[in-house]
Amino acid sequence: MNGNTPSFGDLFGIMAAIQGHQEVVPFIEWQKRALAHARARPKSSLARIATVVGILLHDETAAGMLKGSTVGEHVFGIEADSVPPFNKQCVRRYLSRIIQSNAL
């Protein structure tokens, strides 16, 4: 697991800062908005995953989906921390890919 990974809230805070003061809302509010968006745009990327979004019951369930699995001691390279730090540059690349795919 990458020790440099920000929390769910930190990630969206960084994304909002990069995009210019976008609103960051509690998960349940985001879920309601996301499902309304999916209903209004049935061919959108979000509509394709609406079932998954709809079954998430609370923040902890959503965070659990993003949490990496722990590994045992017999994993090749476990002693190496090869995952780069998660920073604004990484988030900018991520946002760029989302925008290029018209997913927003």
N, C-alpha and C. Protein backbone atom coordinates (compact mmCIF):
# COMPACT_ATOMS: atom_id res chain seq x y z
N MET A 1 0.84 -1.17 0.00
CA MET A 1 0.00 0.00 0.00
C MET A 1 0.89 1.24 0.00
N ASN A 2 0.54 2.23 -0.77
CA ASN A 2 1.32 3.46 -0.87
C ASN A 2 1.09 4.36 0.33
N GLY A 3 2.13 4.57 1.11
CA GLY A 3 2.02 5.45 2.27
C GLY A 3 1.89 6.91 1.90
N ASN A 4 2.13 7.24 0.64
CA ASN A 4 2.04 8.62 0.17
C ASN A 4 0.65 8.99 -0.36
N THR A 5 -0.26 8.07 -0.33
CA THR A 5 -1.59 8.30 -0.88
C THR A 5 -2.41 9.19 0.04
N PRO A 6 -3.04 10.23 -0.52
CA PRO A 6 -3.87 11.11 0.32
C PRO A 6 -5.19 10.43 0.67
N SER A 7 -5.87 10.97 1.65
CA SER A 7 -7.19 10.47 1.98
C SER A 7 -8.15 10.83 0.85
N PHE A 8 -9.32 10.25 0.88
CA PHE A 8 -10.36 10.53 -0.12
C PHE A 8 -10.66 12.03 -0.15
N GLY A 9 -10.83 12.63 1.04
CA GLY A 9 -11.11 14.06 1.14
C GLY A 9 -9.95 14.91 0.63
N ASP A 10 -8.71 14.49 0.96
CA ASP A 10 -7.55 15.23 0.48
C ASP A 10 -7.45 15.19 -1.03
N LEU A 11 -7.70 14.02 -1.63
CA LEU A 11 -7.66 13.89 -3.09
C LEU A 11 -8.63 14.86 -3.74
N PHE A 12 -9.87 14.87 -3.27
CA PHE A 12 -10.85 15.76 -3.89
C PHE A 12 -10.58 17.22 -3.56
N GLY A 13 -9.95 17.48 -2.43
CA GLY A 13 -9.52 18.84 -2.11
C GLY A 13 -8.47 19.33 -3.09
N ILE A 14 -7.50 18.46 -3.41
CA ILE A 14 -6.46 18.80 -4.38
C ILE A 14 -7.09 19.02 -5.75
N MET A 15 -8.01 18.13 -6.14
CA MET A 15 -8.67 18.26 -7.44
C MET A 15 -9.45 19.58 -7.52
N ALA A 16 -10.14 19.94 -6.45
CA ALA A 16 -10.92 21.18 -6.43
C ALA A 16 -9.99 22.39 -6.52
N ALA A 17 -8.87 22.34 -5.82
CA ALA A 17 -7.92 23.46 -5.86
C ALA A 17 -7.34 23.64 -7.26
N ILE A 18 -7.01 22.55 -7.91
CA ILE A 18 -6.44 22.62 -9.25
C ILE A 18 -7.45 23.16 -10.25
N GLN A 19 -8.69 22.76 -10.11
CA GLN A 19 -9.73 23.19 -11.06
C GLN A 19 -10.27 24.58 -10.73
N GLY A 20 -9.88 25.15 -9.64
CA GLY A 20 -10.33 26.50 -9.32
C GLY A 20 -11.57 26.54 -8.45
N HIS A 21 -11.39 26.24 -7.19
CA HIS A 21 -12.44 26.34 -6.17
C HIS A 21 -13.73 25.61 -6.56
N GLN A 22 -13.62 24.36 -6.86
CA GLN A 22 -14.80 23.53 -7.07
C GLN A 22 -15.32 23.11 -5.70
N GLU A 23 -16.61 22.91 -5.61
CA GLU A 23 -17.24 22.53 -4.34
C GLU A 23 -16.91 21.07 -4.00
N VAL A 24 -16.52 20.83 -2.77
CA VAL A 24 -16.33 19.47 -2.27
C VAL A 24 -17.45 19.23 -1.27
N VAL A 25 -18.27 18.22 -1.54
CA VAL A 25 -19.46 17.97 -0.72
C VAL A 25 -19.32 16.61 -0.03
N PRO A 26 -20.09 16.39 1.05
CA PRO A 26 -20.08 15.07 1.70
C PRO A 26 -20.50 13.98 0.71
N PHE A 27 -20.03 12.76 0.98
CA PHE A 27 -20.26 11.65 0.06
C PHE A 27 -21.73 11.47 -0.30
N ILE A 28 -22.61 11.47 0.67
CA ILE A 28 -24.03 11.22 0.41
C ILE A 28 -24.60 12.25 -0.55
N GLU A 29 -24.22 13.51 -0.40
CA GLU A 29 -24.67 14.56 -1.32
C GLU A 29 -24.10 14.32 -2.72
N TRP A 30 -22.81 13.95 -2.78
CA TRP A 30 -22.20 13.65 -4.08
C TRP A 30 -22.93 12.48 -4.75
N GLN A 31 -23.25 11.45 -3.97
CA GLN A 31 -23.93 10.28 -4.50
C GLN A 31 -25.28 10.67 -5.12
N LYS A 32 -26.05 11.50 -4.42
CA LYS A 32 -27.35 11.95 -4.95
C LYS A 32 -27.16 12.69 -6.26
N ARG A 33 -26.19 13.59 -6.30
CA ARG A 33 -25.94 14.36 -7.52
C ARG A 33 -25.45 13.46 -8.65
N ALA A 34 -24.58 12.52 -8.33
CA ALA A 34 -24.04 11.62 -9.33
C ALA A 34 -25.14 10.76 -9.95
N LEU A 35 -26.03 10.24 -9.12
CA LEU A 35 -27.12 9.40 -9.63
C LEU A 35 -28.10 10.22 -10.46
N ALA A 36 -28.36 11.47 -10.06
CA ALA A 36 -29.23 12.35 -10.86
C ALA A 36 -28.58 12.64 -12.21
N HIS A 37 -27.27 12.87 -12.21
CA HIS A 37 -26.54 13.10 -13.46
C HIS A 37 -26.64 11.87 -14.36
N ALA A 38 -26.47 10.70 -13.78
CA ALA A 38 -26.53 9.45 -14.56
C ALA A 38 -27.92 9.24 -15.16
N ARG A 39 -28.97 9.55 -14.38
CA ARG A 39 -30.33 9.41 -14.92
C ARG A 39 -30.58 10.38 -16.07
N ALA A 40 -30.05 11.59 -15.95
CA ALA A 40 -30.27 12.62 -16.98
C ALA A 40 -29.43 12.34 -18.23
N ARG A 41 -28.34 11.60 -18.08
CA ARG A 41 -27.44 11.33 -19.20
C ARG A 41 -27.15 9.83 -19.25
N PRO A 42 -28.09 9.03 -19.74
CA PRO A 42 -27.96 7.57 -19.67
C PRO A 42 -26.80 6.99 -20.48
N LYS A 43 -26.20 7.75 -21.37
CA LYS A 43 -25.07 7.24 -22.15
C LYS A 43 -23.73 7.70 -21.59
N SER A 44 -23.75 8.41 -20.47
CA SER A 44 -22.52 8.94 -19.88
C SER A 44 -21.70 7.84 -19.20
N SER A 45 -20.43 8.16 -18.96
CA SER A 45 -19.55 7.23 -18.24
C SER A 45 -20.10 6.95 -16.85
N LEU A 46 -20.61 7.98 -16.20
CA LEU A 46 -21.15 7.82 -14.85
C LEU A 46 -22.38 6.91 -14.86
N ALA A 47 -23.18 6.98 -15.88
CA ALA A 47 -24.36 6.12 -15.96
C ALA A 47 -23.95 4.64 -16.02
N ARG A 48 -22.82 4.36 -16.65
CA ARG A 48 -22.37 2.97 -16.76
C ARG A 48 -21.98 2.38 -15.42
N ILE A 49 -21.61 3.23 -14.45
CA ILE A 49 -21.24 2.70 -13.13
C ILE A 49 -22.25 3.09 -12.05
N ALA A 50 -23.41 3.56 -12.47
CA ALA A 50 -24.43 4.03 -11.52
C ALA A 50 -24.86 2.94 -10.54
N THR A 51 -24.89 1.71 -10.97
CA THR A 51 -25.28 0.62 -10.07
C THR A 51 -24.30 0.52 -8.91
N VAL A 52 -23.02 0.61 -9.20
CA VAL A 52 -22.01 0.55 -8.14
C VAL A 52 -22.14 1.77 -7.23
N VAL A 53 -22.28 2.94 -7.82
CA VAL A 53 -22.43 4.18 -7.03
C VAL A 53 -23.66 4.08 -6.14
N GLY A 54 -24.73 3.51 -6.65
CA GLY A 54 -25.98 3.41 -5.92
C GLY A 54 -25.94 2.49 -4.72
N ILE A 55 -25.08 1.48 -4.73
CA ILE A 55 -25.04 0.54 -3.60
C ILE A 55 -24.10 0.98 -2.48
N LEU A 56 -23.32 2.02 -2.73
CA LEU A 56 -22.45 2.52 -1.67
C LEU A 56 -23.32 3.22 -0.64
N LEU A 57 -23.27 2.76 0.58
CA LEU A 57 -24.19 3.25 1.59
C LEU A 57 -23.69 4.45 2.37
N HIS A 58 -22.39 4.60 2.48
CA HIS A 58 -21.84 5.69 3.27
C HIS A 58 -20.38 5.89 2.92
N ASP A 59 -19.77 6.90 3.52
CA ASP A 59 -18.39 7.25 3.25
C ASP A 59 -17.43 6.07 3.43
N GLU A 60 -17.64 5.28 4.48
CA GLU A 60 -16.72 4.19 4.76
C GLU A 60 -16.74 3.13 3.67
N THR A 61 -17.91 2.87 3.10
CA THR A 61 -18.01 1.90 2.01
C THR A 61 -17.25 2.40 0.80
N ALA A 62 -17.42 3.67 0.48
CA ALA A 62 -16.72 4.26 -0.67
C ALA A 62 -15.22 4.23 -0.44
N ALA A 63 -14.79 4.61 0.73
CA ALA A 63 -13.36 4.61 1.04
C ALA A 63 -12.79 3.20 0.98
N GLY A 64 -13.57 2.22 1.41
CA GLY A 64 -13.13 0.83 1.36
C GLY A 64 -12.88 0.34 -0.04
N MET A 65 -13.62 0.86 -1.00
CA MET A 65 -13.40 0.47 -2.40
C MET A 65 -12.07 0.98 -2.92
N LEU A 66 -11.59 2.08 -2.36
CA LEU A 66 -10.35 2.68 -2.83
C LEU A 66 -9.13 2.19 -2.06
N LYS A 67 -9.37 1.50 -0.96
CA LYS A 67 -8.27 1.04 -0.11
C LYS A 67 -7.58 -0.15 -0.76
N GLY A 68 -6.28 -0.13 -0.74
CA GLY A 68 -5.53 -1.24 -1.30
C GLY A 68 -5.53 -2.44 -0.38
N SER A 69 -5.30 -3.59 -0.95
CA SER A 69 -5.23 -4.81 -0.15
C SER A 69 -3.87 -4.91 0.50
N THR A 70 -3.85 -5.50 1.68
CA THR A 70 -2.56 -5.76 2.31
C THR A 70 -1.99 -7.02 1.69
N VAL A 71 -0.68 -7.13 1.72
CA VAL A 71 -0.03 -8.30 1.14
C VAL A 71 0.77 -9.01 2.21
N GLY A 72 1.06 -10.25 1.97
CA GLY A 72 1.85 -11.04 2.91
C GLY A 72 3.33 -10.77 2.75
N GLU A 73 4.12 -11.50 3.51
CA GLU A 73 5.56 -11.27 3.50
C GLU A 73 6.25 -11.85 2.27
N HIS A 74 5.62 -12.77 1.56
CA HIS A 74 6.26 -13.44 0.43
C HIS A 74 5.85 -12.80 -0.90
N VAL A 75 6.06 -11.52 -1.00
CA VAL A 75 5.74 -10.78 -2.22
C VAL A 75 7.03 -10.19 -2.75
N PHE A 76 7.34 -10.49 -4.00
CA PHE A 76 8.57 -9.98 -4.61
C PHE A 76 8.57 -8.46 -4.60
N GLY A 77 9.62 -7.85 -4.09
CA GLY A 77 9.76 -6.41 -4.09
C GLY A 77 9.00 -5.69 -2.99
N ILE A 78 8.50 -6.41 -2.00
CA ILE A 78 7.70 -5.77 -0.95
C ILE A 78 8.51 -4.73 -0.16
N GLU A 79 9.83 -4.94 -0.08
CA GLU A 79 10.64 -4.00 0.68
C GLU A 79 10.88 -2.69 -0.07
N ALA A 80 10.59 -2.67 -1.34
CA ALA A 80 10.79 -1.46 -2.15
C ALA A 80 9.53 -0.61 -2.14
N ASP A 81 9.69 0.68 -1.94
CA ASP A 81 8.56 1.61 -2.00
C ASP A 81 8.61 2.27 -3.37
N SER A 82 8.14 1.56 -4.39
CA SER A 82 8.30 2.03 -5.76
C SER A 82 7.16 2.94 -6.23
N VAL A 83 6.18 3.13 -5.41
CA VAL A 83 5.05 3.97 -5.82
C VAL A 83 5.43 5.43 -5.60
N PRO A 84 5.29 6.27 -6.64
CA PRO A 84 5.68 7.67 -6.49
C PRO A 84 4.75 8.42 -5.54
N PRO A 85 5.21 9.54 -4.99
CA PRO A 85 4.33 10.33 -4.13
C PRO A 85 3.12 10.85 -4.89
N PHE A 86 2.03 10.93 -4.21
CA PHE A 86 0.79 11.41 -4.81
C PHE A 86 0.71 12.91 -4.54
N ASN A 87 0.89 13.72 -5.59
CA ASN A 87 0.97 15.16 -5.41
C ASN A 87 0.13 15.87 -6.47
N LYS A 88 0.21 17.19 -6.51
CA LYS A 88 -0.59 17.97 -7.46
C LYS A 88 -0.27 17.62 -8.90
N GLN A 89 0.99 17.34 -9.21
CA GLN A 89 1.35 16.97 -10.58
C GLN A 89 0.64 15.68 -10.99
N CYS A 90 0.61 14.72 -10.11
CA CYS A 90 -0.08 13.45 -10.38
C CYS A 90 -1.58 13.69 -10.58
N VAL A 91 -2.17 14.52 -9.73
CA VAL A 91 -3.61 14.82 -9.83
C VAL A 91 -3.89 15.56 -11.14
N ARG A 92 -3.01 16.48 -11.54
CA ARG A 92 -3.20 17.20 -12.81
C ARG A 92 -3.24 16.23 -14.00
N ARG A 93 -2.32 15.25 -13.99
CA ARG A 93 -2.32 14.25 -15.07
C ARG A 93 -3.62 13.45 -15.06
N TYR A 94 -4.07 13.08 -13.87
CA TYR A 94 -5.31 12.32 -13.72
C TYR A 94 -6.50 13.12 -14.25
N LEU A 95 -6.60 14.39 -13.84
CA LEU A 95 -7.69 15.25 -14.31
C LEU A 95 -7.63 15.44 -15.82
N SER A 96 -6.43 15.59 -16.35
CA SER A 96 -6.26 15.75 -17.79
C SER A 96 -6.82 14.56 -18.55
N ARG A 97 -6.56 13.38 -18.04
CA ARG A 97 -7.09 12.15 -18.69
C ARG A 97 -8.61 12.09 -18.61
N ILE A 98 -9.16 12.50 -17.47
CA ILE A 98 -10.62 12.50 -17.34
C ILE A 98 -11.23 13.49 -18.34
N ILE A 99 -10.66 14.68 -18.41
CA ILE A 99 -11.17 15.72 -19.32
C ILE A 99 -11.05 15.25 -20.76
N GLN A 100 -9.93 14.63 -21.12
CA GLN A 100 -9.73 14.14 -22.49
C GLN A 100 -10.75 13.09 -22.86
N SER A 101 -11.20 12.31 -21.88
CA SER A 101 -12.18 11.25 -22.17
C SER A 101 -13.61 11.75 -22.09
N ASN A 102 -13.77 13.06 -21.82
CA ASN A 102 -15.10 13.67 -21.69
C ASN A 102 -15.92 13.04 -20.58
N ALA A 103 -15.26 12.58 -19.53
CA ALA A 103 -15.95 11.93 -18.43
C ALA A 103 -16.54 12.92 -17.44
N LEU A 104 -16.13 14.18 -17.48
CA LEU A 104 -16.68 15.16 -16.52
C LEU A 104 -17.95 15.77 -17.04
